[in-house]
Amino acid sequence: MTVQTRPRTPRRFIYLRTTSDQRELEDDLHRLPRADRPVLLALGQLPTARQQGDLPPLPGSSTALLLDASALGALQPADDSPGIPHLVSRSVLEGGRGTLDKAATEEFLNTVVQGAEAARAGERVPTREAVDALTARMTTDVADRMSTFLAALWQGGGSTLASFPAPQRGVGHLDETALMYLLESEDIADAAFWDRVVSPLSSYDMNMALKCTA
């Protein structure tokens, strides 16, 4: 794998905390540099109130990620699982933001994985739900990359890119990132699928994607 040709994501520092106290965690997030997009890992379980998903994001969490040990465990798909769960889990560690406990993490993973399956089938509602989940839970750059990946599945499945149920900001065209994610995530034997995905791509895009997966 050629690291230099992968999409660049700013490095993230992981900070371990033994407390699950809301006030202490909020204070930590106030102190951590937001530019570093920090990951704050609480080794205990986050408060039950946060598991309901009805509280506003923690202060400073626009680029920071707070999760507990059980959520981290949920980000470890089984080795024999398909590639898409691994791709989605990796995206959380690269660009996740806000608060994630185990329940919220599993819900997010399921929404995006089901959205990927729906995108290939041209199903609008679950695809849009996946895009909305990415927008809510990811920094803009990573959310755009994953949305582009969903758009590639959408187009490869036979739907038009113009009908993709998401804002066009991040999916204006399918580039080497989308192709790279496709090559990493699924073993698709459908030649027609690849014809629909590859035809709009330049030879540069294709070469870059193949280098990334080599």
N, C-alpha and C. Protein backbone atom coordinates (compact mmCIF):
# COMPACT_ATOMS: atom_id res chain seq x y z
N MET A 1 0.85 -1.19 0.00
CA MET A 1 0.00 0.00 0.00
C MET A 1 0.88 1.23 0.00
N THR A 2 0.56 2.20 -0.84
CA THR A 2 1.33 3.43 -0.93
C THR A 2 0.65 4.51 -0.12
N VAL A 3 1.20 4.80 1.04
CA VAL A 3 0.55 5.72 1.96
C VAL A 3 0.42 7.11 1.36
N GLN A 4 1.44 7.53 0.58
CA GLN A 4 1.42 8.89 0.06
C GLN A 4 0.23 9.15 -0.85
N THR A 5 -0.31 8.11 -1.51
CA THR A 5 -1.39 8.33 -2.45
C THR A 5 -2.76 8.14 -1.84
N ARG A 6 -2.83 7.76 -0.57
CA ARG A 6 -4.12 7.65 0.09
C ARG A 6 -4.67 9.04 0.40
N PRO A 7 -5.97 9.16 0.54
CA PRO A 7 -6.53 10.44 0.97
C PRO A 7 -5.90 10.86 2.30
N ARG A 8 -5.49 12.08 2.39
CA ARG A 8 -4.81 12.54 3.60
C ARG A 8 -5.82 12.92 4.67
N THR A 9 -5.69 12.31 5.83
CA THR A 9 -6.51 12.65 6.99
C THR A 9 -5.57 13.12 8.08
N PRO A 10 -5.79 14.29 8.66
CA PRO A 10 -4.91 14.75 9.73
C PRO A 10 -4.79 13.71 10.83
N ARG A 11 -3.59 13.60 11.39
CA ARG A 11 -3.36 12.61 12.44
C ARG A 11 -4.24 12.91 13.65
N ARG A 12 -4.55 11.85 14.38
CA ARG A 12 -5.39 11.99 15.57
C ARG A 12 -4.63 11.40 16.75
N PHE A 13 -4.68 12.10 17.87
CA PHE A 13 -4.11 11.60 19.10
C PHE A 13 -5.21 10.99 19.96
N ILE A 14 -4.93 9.86 20.58
CA ILE A 14 -5.89 9.20 21.45
C ILE A 14 -5.48 9.42 22.91
N TYR A 15 -6.43 9.92 23.69
CA TYR A 15 -6.20 10.21 25.10
C TYR A 15 -7.06 9.25 25.93
N LEU A 16 -6.44 8.53 26.85
CA LEU A 16 -7.14 7.57 27.69
C LEU A 16 -7.55 8.22 29.00
N ARG A 17 -8.79 7.98 29.42
CA ARG A 17 -9.28 8.50 30.69
C ARG A 17 -9.98 7.38 31.44
N THR A 18 -9.65 7.25 32.70
CA THR A 18 -10.28 6.20 33.52
C THR A 18 -11.65 6.63 34.02
N THR A 19 -11.94 7.92 33.97
CA THR A 19 -13.22 8.41 34.47
C THR A 19 -14.30 8.34 33.39
N SER A 20 -15.53 8.25 33.83
CA SER A 20 -16.68 8.39 32.93
C SER A 20 -17.55 9.56 33.37
N ASP A 21 -17.01 10.39 34.26
CA ASP A 21 -17.75 11.52 34.79
C ASP A 21 -17.91 12.59 33.70
N GLN A 22 -19.15 13.02 33.50
CA GLN A 22 -19.45 13.96 32.43
C GLN A 22 -18.68 15.26 32.58
N ARG A 23 -18.62 15.80 33.78
CA ARG A 23 -17.95 17.09 33.97
C ARG A 23 -16.47 16.99 33.66
N GLU A 24 -15.85 15.91 34.10
CA GLU A 24 -14.42 15.75 33.85
C GLU A 24 -14.13 15.57 32.36
N LEU A 25 -14.97 14.81 31.68
CA LEU A 25 -14.76 14.60 30.26
C LEU A 25 -14.97 15.89 29.47
N GLU A 26 -15.98 16.68 29.86
CA GLU A 26 -16.20 17.97 29.21
C GLU A 26 -15.01 18.89 29.43
N ASP A 27 -14.48 18.87 30.63
CA ASP A 27 -13.31 19.70 30.91
C ASP A 27 -12.12 19.26 30.05
N ASP A 28 -11.94 17.95 29.90
CA ASP A 28 -10.86 17.45 29.05
C ASP A 28 -11.01 17.94 27.61
N LEU A 29 -12.23 17.89 27.10
CA LEU A 29 -12.45 18.31 25.72
C LEU A 29 -12.24 19.80 25.53
N HIS A 30 -12.51 20.59 26.60
CA HIS A 30 -12.22 22.02 26.53
C HIS A 30 -10.71 22.26 26.41
N ARG A 31 -9.92 21.41 27.04
CA ARG A 31 -8.48 21.63 27.11
C ARG A 31 -7.72 21.07 25.91
N LEU A 32 -8.27 20.05 25.28
CA LEU A 32 -7.56 19.42 24.17
C LEU A 32 -7.59 20.32 22.94
N PRO A 33 -6.49 20.38 22.20
CA PRO A 33 -6.45 21.22 20.99
C PRO A 33 -7.36 20.67 19.91
N ARG A 34 -8.33 21.47 19.47
CA ARG A 34 -9.30 21.00 18.48
C ARG A 34 -8.66 20.70 17.14
N ALA A 35 -7.58 21.41 16.82
CA ALA A 35 -6.93 21.21 15.53
C ALA A 35 -6.39 19.79 15.39
N ASP A 36 -6.14 19.13 16.50
CA ASP A 36 -5.61 17.75 16.46
C ASP A 36 -6.70 16.71 16.31
N ARG A 37 -7.97 17.13 16.25
CA ARG A 37 -9.09 16.19 16.11
C ARG A 37 -8.95 15.04 17.11
N PRO A 38 -8.85 15.34 18.40
CA PRO A 38 -8.51 14.31 19.38
C PRO A 38 -9.58 13.24 19.56
N VAL A 39 -9.14 12.07 19.98
CA VAL A 39 -10.03 10.98 20.37
C VAL A 39 -9.86 10.79 21.87
N LEU A 40 -10.94 10.96 22.62
CA LEU A 40 -10.92 10.78 24.06
C LEU A 40 -11.59 9.45 24.37
N LEU A 41 -10.81 8.49 24.88
CA LEU A 41 -11.32 7.15 25.15
C LEU A 41 -11.50 6.97 26.65
N ALA A 42 -12.77 6.88 27.06
CA ALA A 42 -13.09 6.60 28.46
C ALA A 42 -13.04 5.09 28.67
N LEU A 43 -12.20 4.65 29.59
CA LEU A 43 -12.03 3.22 29.79
C LEU A 43 -13.22 2.60 30.50
N GLY A 44 -14.02 3.43 31.16
CA GLY A 44 -15.26 2.94 31.75
C GLY A 44 -16.41 3.10 30.77
N GLN A 45 -17.63 2.94 31.27
CA GLN A 45 -18.81 3.09 30.42
C GLN A 45 -19.37 4.49 30.57
N LEU A 46 -19.73 5.09 29.45
CA LEU A 46 -20.29 6.44 29.48
C LEU A 46 -21.64 6.43 30.17
N PRO A 47 -22.05 7.55 30.76
CA PRO A 47 -23.32 7.63 31.49
C PRO A 47 -24.50 7.19 30.63
N THR A 48 -25.46 6.58 31.29
CA THR A 48 -26.63 6.06 30.60
C THR A 48 -27.37 7.13 29.81
N ALA A 49 -27.43 8.35 30.35
CA ALA A 49 -28.14 9.43 29.66
C ALA A 49 -27.57 9.66 28.27
N ARG A 50 -26.28 9.51 28.13
CA ARG A 50 -25.67 9.75 26.83
C ARG A 50 -25.99 8.61 25.85
N GLN A 51 -26.30 7.45 26.37
CA GLN A 51 -26.60 6.33 25.49
C GLN A 51 -27.91 6.56 24.75
N GLN A 52 -28.74 7.44 25.24
CA GLN A 52 -30.02 7.68 24.58
C GLN A 52 -29.88 8.57 23.36
N GLY A 53 -28.73 9.21 23.21
CA GLY A 53 -28.50 10.04 22.04
C GLY A 53 -29.31 11.32 22.02
N ASP A 54 -29.83 11.75 23.19
CA ASP A 54 -30.70 12.92 23.19
C ASP A 54 -30.03 14.14 23.81
N LEU A 55 -28.73 14.08 24.02
CA LEU A 55 -28.00 15.21 24.59
C LEU A 55 -27.21 15.90 23.48
N PRO A 56 -27.01 17.21 23.60
CA PRO A 56 -26.22 17.90 22.59
C PRO A 56 -24.77 17.45 22.64
N PRO A 57 -24.01 17.65 21.55
CA PRO A 57 -22.60 17.26 21.55
C PRO A 57 -21.84 17.95 22.66
N LEU A 58 -20.81 17.29 23.15
CA LEU A 58 -19.97 17.88 24.17
C LEU A 58 -19.28 19.12 23.62
N PRO A 59 -18.99 20.10 24.48
CA PRO A 59 -18.28 21.29 24.01
C PRO A 59 -16.97 20.91 23.33
N GLY A 60 -16.69 21.54 22.23
CA GLY A 60 -15.45 21.27 21.53
C GLY A 60 -15.46 20.00 20.71
N SER A 61 -16.62 19.37 20.55
CA SER A 61 -16.65 18.07 19.89
C SER A 61 -16.87 18.16 18.39
N SER A 62 -16.76 19.37 17.81
CA SER A 62 -16.97 19.48 16.37
C SER A 62 -15.92 18.70 15.59
N THR A 63 -14.74 18.51 16.17
CA THR A 63 -13.71 17.69 15.54
C THR A 63 -13.20 16.60 16.47
N ALA A 64 -13.70 16.55 17.69
CA ALA A 64 -13.23 15.57 18.67
C ALA A 64 -14.19 14.39 18.75
N LEU A 65 -13.67 13.26 19.15
CA LEU A 65 -14.47 12.05 19.30
C LEU A 65 -14.33 11.54 20.72
N LEU A 66 -15.46 11.34 21.39
CA LEU A 66 -15.49 10.75 22.72
C LEU A 66 -16.17 9.39 22.61
N LEU A 67 -15.48 8.35 23.05
CA LEU A 67 -16.08 7.04 23.05
C LEU A 67 -15.59 6.24 24.24
N ASP A 68 -16.33 5.18 24.60
CA ASP A 68 -15.90 4.35 25.71
C ASP A 68 -15.36 3.03 25.19
N ALA A 69 -14.89 2.19 26.11
CA ALA A 69 -14.23 0.94 25.72
C ALA A 69 -15.18 0.02 24.96
N SER A 70 -16.45 0.00 25.34
CA SER A 70 -17.40 -0.87 24.65
C SER A 70 -17.64 -0.41 23.21
N ALA A 71 -17.62 0.91 23.01
CA ALA A 71 -17.76 1.44 21.65
C ALA A 71 -16.55 1.06 20.81
N LEU A 72 -15.37 1.13 21.40
CA LEU A 72 -14.17 0.74 20.67
C LEU A 72 -14.25 -0.72 20.27
N GLY A 73 -14.78 -1.56 21.15
CA GLY A 73 -14.94 -2.97 20.83
C GLY A 73 -15.90 -3.18 19.68
N ALA A 74 -16.93 -2.35 19.60
CA ALA A 74 -17.91 -2.47 18.51
C ALA A 74 -17.30 -2.08 17.17
N LEU A 75 -16.18 -1.36 17.20
CA LEU A 75 -15.51 -0.95 15.97
C LEU A 75 -14.54 -2.01 15.46
N GLN A 76 -14.60 -3.21 16.03
CA GLN A 76 -13.73 -4.30 15.60
C GLN A 76 -14.57 -5.39 14.95
N PRO A 77 -14.89 -5.27 13.66
CA PRO A 77 -15.70 -6.30 13.00
C PRO A 77 -14.99 -7.64 13.01
N ALA A 78 -15.77 -8.71 12.93
CA ALA A 78 -15.19 -10.05 12.87
C ALA A 78 -14.29 -10.18 11.64
N ASP A 79 -13.23 -10.96 11.78
CA ASP A 79 -12.28 -11.09 10.68
C ASP A 79 -12.92 -11.63 9.40
N ASP A 80 -13.98 -12.44 9.58
CA ASP A 80 -14.61 -13.04 8.40
C ASP A 80 -15.77 -12.21 7.87
N SER A 81 -15.97 -11.00 8.41
CA SER A 81 -17.05 -10.15 7.94
C SER A 81 -16.66 -9.51 6.61
N PRO A 82 -17.65 -9.06 5.82
CA PRO A 82 -17.33 -8.40 4.55
C PRO A 82 -16.50 -7.14 4.77
N GLY A 83 -15.96 -6.62 3.68
CA GLY A 83 -15.05 -5.49 3.79
C GLY A 83 -15.70 -4.18 4.19
N ILE A 84 -16.98 -3.99 3.87
CA ILE A 84 -17.61 -2.71 4.14
C ILE A 84 -17.64 -2.38 5.64
N PRO A 85 -18.01 -3.32 6.54
CA PRO A 85 -17.95 -2.99 7.97
C PRO A 85 -16.56 -2.53 8.42
N HIS A 86 -15.52 -3.12 7.87
CA HIS A 86 -14.16 -2.70 8.22
C HIS A 86 -13.90 -1.28 7.72
N LEU A 87 -14.36 -0.98 6.52
CA LEU A 87 -14.17 0.36 5.97
C LEU A 87 -14.90 1.40 6.80
N VAL A 88 -16.12 1.10 7.19
CA VAL A 88 -16.90 2.05 7.99
C VAL A 88 -16.27 2.24 9.36
N SER A 89 -15.82 1.15 9.98
CA SER A 89 -15.18 1.25 11.28
C SER A 89 -13.92 2.10 11.21
N ARG A 90 -13.14 1.91 10.17
CA ARG A 90 -11.93 2.70 10.01
C ARG A 90 -12.25 4.17 9.84
N SER A 91 -13.36 4.46 9.14
CA SER A 91 -13.72 5.85 8.93
C SER A 91 -14.08 6.54 10.24
N VAL A 92 -14.66 5.78 11.19
CA VAL A 92 -14.97 6.36 12.50
C VAL A 92 -13.70 6.79 13.21
N LEU A 93 -12.69 5.94 13.19
CA LEU A 93 -11.44 6.29 13.84
C LEU A 93 -10.72 7.42 13.12
N GLU A 94 -10.91 7.53 11.82
CA GLU A 94 -10.26 8.61 11.07
C GLU A 94 -10.97 9.95 11.25
N GLY A 95 -12.29 9.94 11.27
CA GLY A 95 -13.00 11.21 11.26
C GLY A 95 -14.25 11.28 12.10
N GLY A 96 -14.45 10.31 13.01
CA GLY A 96 -15.62 10.37 13.87
C GLY A 96 -15.60 11.58 14.79
N ARG A 97 -16.78 12.08 15.14
CA ARG A 97 -16.87 13.23 16.04
C ARG A 97 -18.09 13.08 16.93
N GLY A 98 -18.09 13.82 18.03
CA GLY A 98 -19.19 13.73 18.97
C GLY A 98 -18.99 12.59 19.95
N THR A 99 -20.09 12.05 20.47
CA THR A 99 -20.05 11.03 21.51
C THR A 99 -20.59 9.71 20.99
N LEU A 100 -19.83 8.64 21.21
CA LEU A 100 -20.25 7.31 20.79
C LEU A 100 -20.08 6.33 21.94
N ASP A 101 -21.19 5.69 22.35
CA ASP A 101 -21.09 4.54 23.23
C ASP A 101 -21.35 3.31 22.37
N LYS A 102 -21.47 2.15 22.98
CA LYS A 102 -21.63 0.93 22.20
C LYS A 102 -22.90 0.96 21.36
N ALA A 103 -24.02 1.36 21.99
CA ALA A 103 -25.30 1.35 21.27
C ALA A 103 -25.27 2.31 20.08
N ALA A 104 -24.74 3.50 20.30
CA ALA A 104 -24.68 4.49 19.21
C ALA A 104 -23.74 4.04 18.11
N THR A 105 -22.64 3.41 18.50
CA THR A 105 -21.68 2.92 17.51
C THR A 105 -22.29 1.83 16.65
N GLU A 106 -22.95 0.88 17.29
CA GLU A 106 -23.58 -0.21 16.54
C GLU A 106 -24.68 0.32 15.62
N GLU A 107 -25.43 1.29 16.10
CA GLU A 107 -26.49 1.88 15.26
C GLU A 107 -25.88 2.57 14.04
N PHE A 108 -24.80 3.31 14.27
CA PHE A 108 -24.15 4.01 13.16
C PHE A 108 -23.60 3.01 12.14
N LEU A 109 -22.89 2.00 12.61
CA LEU A 109 -22.32 1.01 11.71
C LEU A 109 -23.41 0.33 10.89
N ASN A 110 -24.49 -0.06 11.55
CA ASN A 110 -25.58 -0.74 10.85
C ASN A 110 -26.22 0.17 9.80
N THR A 111 -26.41 1.44 10.16
CA THR A 111 -27.03 2.39 9.23
C THR A 111 -26.19 2.57 7.97
N VAL A 112 -24.88 2.72 8.15
CA VAL A 112 -24.03 2.96 6.99
C VAL A 112 -23.83 1.69 6.16
N VAL A 113 -23.66 0.55 6.82
CA VAL A 113 -23.49 -0.71 6.09
C VAL A 113 -24.77 -1.03 5.30
N GLN A 114 -25.93 -0.87 5.94
CA GLN A 114 -27.18 -1.10 5.22
C GLN A 114 -27.37 -0.07 4.11
N GLY A 115 -26.90 1.15 4.35
CA GLY A 115 -26.98 2.17 3.32
C GLY A 115 -26.13 1.83 2.11
N ALA A 116 -24.97 1.21 2.35
CA ALA A 116 -24.11 0.80 1.24
C ALA A 116 -24.80 -0.27 0.40
N GLU A 117 -25.43 -1.23 1.06
CA GLU A 117 -26.17 -2.26 0.34
C GLU A 117 -27.33 -1.65 -0.44
N ALA A 118 -28.00 -0.68 0.19
CA ALA A 118 -29.14 -0.03 -0.46
C ALA A 118 -28.69 0.81 -1.64
N ALA A 119 -27.53 1.45 -1.51
CA ALA A 119 -27.04 2.30 -2.61
C ALA A 119 -26.82 1.47 -3.86
N ARG A 120 -26.27 0.31 -3.71
CA ARG A 120 -26.04 -0.54 -4.88
C ARG A 120 -27.36 -0.98 -5.51
N ALA A 121 -28.40 -1.11 -4.67
CA ALA A 121 -29.72 -1.52 -5.16
C ALA A 121 -30.56 -0.34 -5.62
N GLY A 122 -30.05 0.89 -5.46
CA GLY A 122 -30.79 2.07 -5.89
C GLY A 122 -31.95 2.43 -4.98
N GLU A 123 -31.85 2.08 -3.69
CA GLU A 123 -32.92 2.37 -2.74
C GLU A 123 -32.63 3.71 -2.05
N ARG A 124 -33.50 4.67 -2.23
CA ARG A 124 -33.21 6.03 -1.82
C ARG A 124 -33.21 6.23 -0.30
N VAL A 125 -34.24 5.74 0.40
CA VAL A 125 -34.39 6.07 1.82
C VAL A 125 -33.22 5.58 2.67
N PRO A 126 -32.86 4.29 2.66
CA PRO A 126 -31.73 3.87 3.48
C PRO A 126 -30.40 4.47 3.04
N THR A 127 -30.28 4.77 1.75
CA THR A 127 -29.06 5.42 1.28
C THR A 127 -28.96 6.82 1.87
N ARG A 128 -30.07 7.55 1.85
CA ARG A 128 -30.08 8.89 2.42
C ARG A 128 -29.84 8.85 3.92
N GLU A 129 -30.38 7.86 4.60
CA GLU A 129 -30.16 7.74 6.04
C GLU A 129 -28.68 7.52 6.34
N ALA A 130 -28.01 6.76 5.49
CA ALA A 130 -26.57 6.54 5.68
C ALA A 130 -25.80 7.83 5.49
N VAL A 131 -26.14 8.59 4.46
CA VAL A 131 -25.47 9.87 4.21
C VAL A 131 -25.70 10.82 5.39
N ASP A 132 -26.93 10.86 5.89
CA ASP A 132 -27.24 11.73 7.04
C ASP A 132 -26.44 11.32 8.27
N ALA A 133 -26.30 10.01 8.49
CA ALA A 133 -25.52 9.53 9.63
C ALA A 133 -24.06 9.92 9.49
N LEU A 134 -23.52 9.82 8.28
CA LEU A 134 -22.14 10.22 8.04
C LEU A 134 -21.95 11.71 8.31
N THR A 135 -22.89 12.52 7.86
CA THR A 135 -22.81 13.96 8.07
C THR A 135 -22.84 14.31 9.55
N ALA A 136 -23.68 13.59 10.31
CA ALA A 136 -23.83 13.88 11.73
C ALA A 136 -22.65 13.39 12.56
N ARG A 137 -22.04 12.30 12.15
CA ARG A 137 -21.04 11.64 12.98
C ARG A 137 -19.61 11.80 12.51
N MET A 138 -19.40 12.44 11.35
CA MET A 138 -18.06 12.52 10.78
C MET A 138 -17.64 13.96 10.54
N THR A 139 -16.34 14.19 10.56
CA THR A 139 -15.83 15.46 10.09
C THR A 139 -16.14 15.56 8.60
N THR A 140 -16.18 16.78 8.09
CA THR A 140 -16.66 17.01 6.73
C THR A 140 -15.85 16.24 5.69
N ASP A 141 -14.53 16.21 5.82
CA ASP A 141 -13.71 15.56 4.80
C ASP A 141 -13.97 14.07 4.73
N VAL A 142 -14.06 13.41 5.89
CA VAL A 142 -14.27 11.97 5.89
C VAL A 142 -15.71 11.64 5.49
N ALA A 143 -16.66 12.45 5.92
CA ALA A 143 -18.06 12.24 5.51
C ALA A 143 -18.18 12.34 4.00
N ASP A 144 -17.49 13.31 3.39
CA ASP A 144 -17.55 13.46 1.94
C ASP A 144 -16.94 12.25 1.23
N ARG A 145 -15.84 11.73 1.75
CA ARG A 145 -15.23 10.55 1.13
C ARG A 145 -16.17 9.35 1.17
N MET A 146 -16.79 9.14 2.32
CA MET A 146 -17.68 8.00 2.45
C MET A 146 -18.94 8.19 1.60
N SER A 147 -19.42 9.42 1.50
CA SER A 147 -20.57 9.69 0.65
C SER A 147 -20.22 9.43 -0.82
N THR A 148 -19.01 9.77 -1.21
CA THR A 148 -18.56 9.49 -2.57
C THR A 148 -18.50 7.99 -2.83
N PHE A 149 -18.08 7.24 -1.82
CA PHE A 149 -18.08 5.78 -1.92
C PHE A 149 -19.50 5.25 -2.12
N LEU A 150 -20.44 5.77 -1.35
CA LEU A 150 -21.84 5.35 -1.53
C LEU A 150 -22.34 5.73 -2.92
N ALA A 151 -21.93 6.90 -3.39
CA ALA A 151 -22.34 7.32 -4.73
C ALA A 151 -21.77 6.40 -5.80
N ALA A 152 -20.56 5.88 -5.57
CA ALA A 152 -19.98 4.93 -6.52
C ALA A 152 -20.79 3.64 -6.56
N LEU A 153 -21.21 3.17 -5.39
CA LEU A 153 -22.08 1.99 -5.34
C LEU A 153 -23.40 2.27 -6.05
N TRP A 154 -23.92 3.46 -5.84
CA TRP A 154 -25.19 3.88 -6.45
C TRP A 154 -25.08 3.85 -7.97
N GLN A 155 -24.03 4.45 -8.48
CA GLN A 155 -23.84 4.50 -9.92
C GLN A 155 -23.51 3.12 -10.49
N GLY A 156 -22.67 2.38 -9.78
CA GLY A 156 -22.32 1.04 -10.25
C GLY A 156 -23.52 0.12 -10.31
N GLY A 157 -24.48 0.35 -9.41
CA GLY A 157 -25.68 -0.47 -9.39
C GLY A 157 -26.65 -0.16 -10.51
N GLY A 158 -26.40 0.92 -11.25
CA GLY A 158 -27.24 1.23 -12.39
C GLY A 158 -28.04 2.50 -12.28
N SER A 159 -27.97 3.20 -11.14
CA SER A 159 -28.68 4.46 -10.99
C SER A 159 -27.79 5.61 -11.45
N THR A 160 -28.40 6.72 -11.79
CA THR A 160 -27.61 7.86 -12.24
C THR A 160 -27.04 8.62 -11.05
N LEU A 161 -25.86 9.18 -11.25
CA LEU A 161 -25.24 9.95 -10.18
C LEU A 161 -26.09 11.16 -9.81
N ALA A 162 -26.77 11.74 -10.81
CA ALA A 162 -27.61 12.91 -10.57
C ALA A 162 -28.77 12.60 -9.64
N SER A 163 -29.17 11.32 -9.55
CA SER A 163 -30.29 10.95 -8.70
C SER A 163 -29.85 10.50 -7.31
N PHE A 164 -28.56 10.54 -7.04
CA PHE A 164 -28.05 10.11 -5.73
C PHE A 164 -28.65 11.00 -4.64
N PRO A 165 -29.25 10.41 -3.60
CA PRO A 165 -30.01 11.20 -2.61
C PRO A 165 -29.14 11.88 -1.57
N ALA A 166 -28.31 12.81 -2.03
CA ALA A 166 -27.45 13.55 -1.11
C ALA A 166 -26.99 14.82 -1.80
N PRO A 167 -26.58 15.83 -1.00
CA PRO A 167 -26.02 17.04 -1.61
C PRO A 167 -24.82 16.70 -2.48
N GLN A 168 -24.63 17.45 -3.53
CA GLN A 168 -23.58 17.14 -4.49
C GLN A 168 -22.21 17.67 -4.08
N ARG A 169 -22.11 18.31 -2.91
CA ARG A 169 -20.83 18.89 -2.50
C ARG A 169 -19.70 17.87 -2.53
N GLY A 170 -19.96 16.71 -1.94
CA GLY A 170 -18.88 15.73 -1.83
C GLY A 170 -18.88 14.68 -2.91
N VAL A 171 -19.88 14.69 -3.79
CA VAL A 171 -19.96 13.64 -4.80
C VAL A 171 -20.12 14.23 -6.20
N GLY A 172 -19.44 15.33 -6.43
CA GLY A 172 -19.54 15.95 -7.73
C GLY A 172 -19.05 15.05 -8.85
N HIS A 173 -18.03 14.25 -8.58
CA HIS A 173 -17.60 13.24 -9.54
C HIS A 173 -16.95 12.11 -8.76
N LEU A 174 -16.91 10.95 -9.36
CA LEU A 174 -16.31 9.80 -8.70
C LEU A 174 -14.82 9.77 -9.04
N ASP A 175 -13.99 9.76 -8.02
CA ASP A 175 -12.56 9.86 -8.25
C ASP A 175 -11.85 8.60 -7.77
N GLU A 176 -10.51 8.70 -7.65
CA GLU A 176 -9.73 7.53 -7.25
C GLU A 176 -10.05 7.08 -5.83
N THR A 177 -10.53 8.01 -4.97
CA THR A 177 -10.89 7.61 -3.61
C THR A 177 -12.06 6.64 -3.62
N ALA A 178 -13.10 6.95 -4.38
CA ALA A 178 -14.25 6.06 -4.45
C ALA A 178 -13.86 4.71 -5.01
N LEU A 179 -13.05 4.71 -6.07
CA LEU A 179 -12.63 3.45 -6.66
C LEU A 179 -11.76 2.65 -5.69
N MET A 180 -10.88 3.34 -4.98
CA MET A 180 -10.03 2.66 -4.01
C MET A 180 -10.87 1.99 -2.93
N TYR A 181 -11.88 2.71 -2.40
CA TYR A 181 -12.74 2.13 -1.38
C TYR A 181 -13.49 0.92 -1.91
N LEU A 182 -13.94 1.00 -3.16
CA LEU A 182 -14.64 -0.14 -3.76
C LEU A 182 -13.72 -1.36 -3.85
N LEU A 183 -12.50 -1.14 -4.29
CA LEU A 183 -11.56 -2.24 -4.43
C LEU A 183 -11.21 -2.87 -3.08
N GLU A 184 -11.19 -2.06 -2.03
CA GLU A 184 -10.85 -2.56 -0.71
C GLU A 184 -12.02 -3.25 -0.02
N SER A 185 -13.24 -2.83 -0.34
CA SER A 185 -14.36 -3.21 0.51
C SER A 185 -15.17 -4.39 0.00
N GLU A 186 -15.20 -4.61 -1.29
CA GLU A 186 -16.07 -5.66 -1.81
C GLU A 186 -15.42 -6.44 -2.93
N ASP A 187 -15.78 -7.71 -3.04
CA ASP A 187 -15.36 -8.53 -4.16
C ASP A 187 -16.55 -8.61 -5.12
N ILE A 188 -16.62 -7.68 -6.05
CA ILE A 188 -17.75 -7.56 -6.96
C ILE A 188 -17.35 -8.15 -8.32
N ALA A 189 -18.04 -9.21 -8.71
CA ALA A 189 -17.71 -9.89 -9.97
C ALA A 189 -18.54 -9.40 -11.14
N ASP A 190 -19.44 -8.48 -10.91
CA ASP A 190 -20.35 -7.98 -11.94
C ASP A 190 -19.61 -7.02 -12.86
N ALA A 191 -19.35 -7.46 -14.10
CA ALA A 191 -18.60 -6.63 -15.04
C ALA A 191 -19.34 -5.34 -15.37
N ALA A 192 -20.67 -5.43 -15.46
CA ALA A 192 -21.46 -4.24 -15.78
C ALA A 192 -21.34 -3.19 -14.68
N PHE A 193 -21.26 -3.63 -13.43
CA PHE A 193 -21.08 -2.70 -12.31
C PHE A 193 -19.81 -1.89 -12.51
N TRP A 194 -18.71 -2.58 -12.81
CA TRP A 194 -17.43 -1.89 -12.96
C TRP A 194 -17.40 -1.00 -14.19
N ASP A 195 -18.09 -1.41 -15.25
CA ASP A 195 -18.16 -0.56 -16.43
C ASP A 195 -18.83 0.77 -16.10
N ARG A 196 -19.88 0.71 -15.30
CA ARG A 196 -20.61 1.94 -14.96
C ARG A 196 -19.78 2.83 -14.02
N VAL A 197 -18.97 2.21 -13.17
CA VAL A 197 -18.16 2.99 -12.24
C VAL A 197 -16.94 3.57 -12.94
N VAL A 198 -16.28 2.76 -13.74
CA VAL A 198 -14.98 3.14 -14.30
C VAL A 198 -15.12 4.10 -15.47
N SER A 199 -16.18 4.02 -16.24
CA SER A 199 -16.28 4.82 -17.47
C SER A 199 -16.11 6.32 -17.25
N PRO A 200 -16.63 6.91 -16.13
CA PRO A 200 -16.43 8.36 -15.97
C PRO A 200 -15.05 8.73 -15.43
N LEU A 201 -14.27 7.73 -14.99
CA LEU A 201 -12.99 8.02 -14.34
C LEU A 201 -11.89 8.19 -15.37
N SER A 202 -10.95 9.07 -15.05
CA SER A 202 -9.80 9.24 -15.92
C SER A 202 -8.80 8.12 -15.67
N SER A 203 -7.88 7.94 -16.59
CA SER A 203 -6.83 6.93 -16.40
C SER A 203 -5.98 7.27 -15.19
N TYR A 204 -5.82 8.56 -14.87
CA TYR A 204 -5.07 8.96 -13.68
C TYR A 204 -5.76 8.47 -12.42
N ASP A 205 -7.08 8.68 -12.35
CA ASP A 205 -7.83 8.22 -11.19
C ASP A 205 -7.67 6.72 -10.99
N MET A 206 -7.77 5.96 -12.09
CA MET A 206 -7.67 4.52 -11.99
C MET A 206 -6.29 4.09 -11.55
N ASN A 207 -5.27 4.69 -12.09
CA ASN A 207 -3.90 4.33 -11.71
C ASN A 207 -3.63 4.64 -10.25
N MET A 208 -4.13 5.79 -9.78
CA MET A 208 -3.92 6.16 -8.39
C MET A 208 -4.60 5.16 -7.46
N ALA A 209 -5.81 4.76 -7.78
CA ALA A 209 -6.55 3.82 -6.94
C ALA A 209 -5.85 2.47 -6.92
N LEU A 210 -5.37 2.00 -8.06
CA LEU A 210 -4.71 0.71 -8.09
C LEU A 210 -3.40 0.73 -7.30
N LYS A 211 -2.70 1.85 -7.31
CA LYS A 211 -1.47 1.98 -6.51
C LYS A 211 -1.78 1.90 -5.03
N CYS A 212 -2.91 2.51 -4.62
CA CYS A 212 -3.28 2.53 -3.21
C CYS A 212 -3.63 1.14 -2.68
N THR A 213 -4.13 0.28 -3.55
CA THR A 213 -4.56 -1.04 -3.11
C THR A 213 -3.53 -2.11 -3.40
N ALA A 214 -2.41 -1.72 -4.00
CA ALA A 214 -1.40 -2.69 -4.34
C ALA A 214 -0.67 -3.19 -3.10
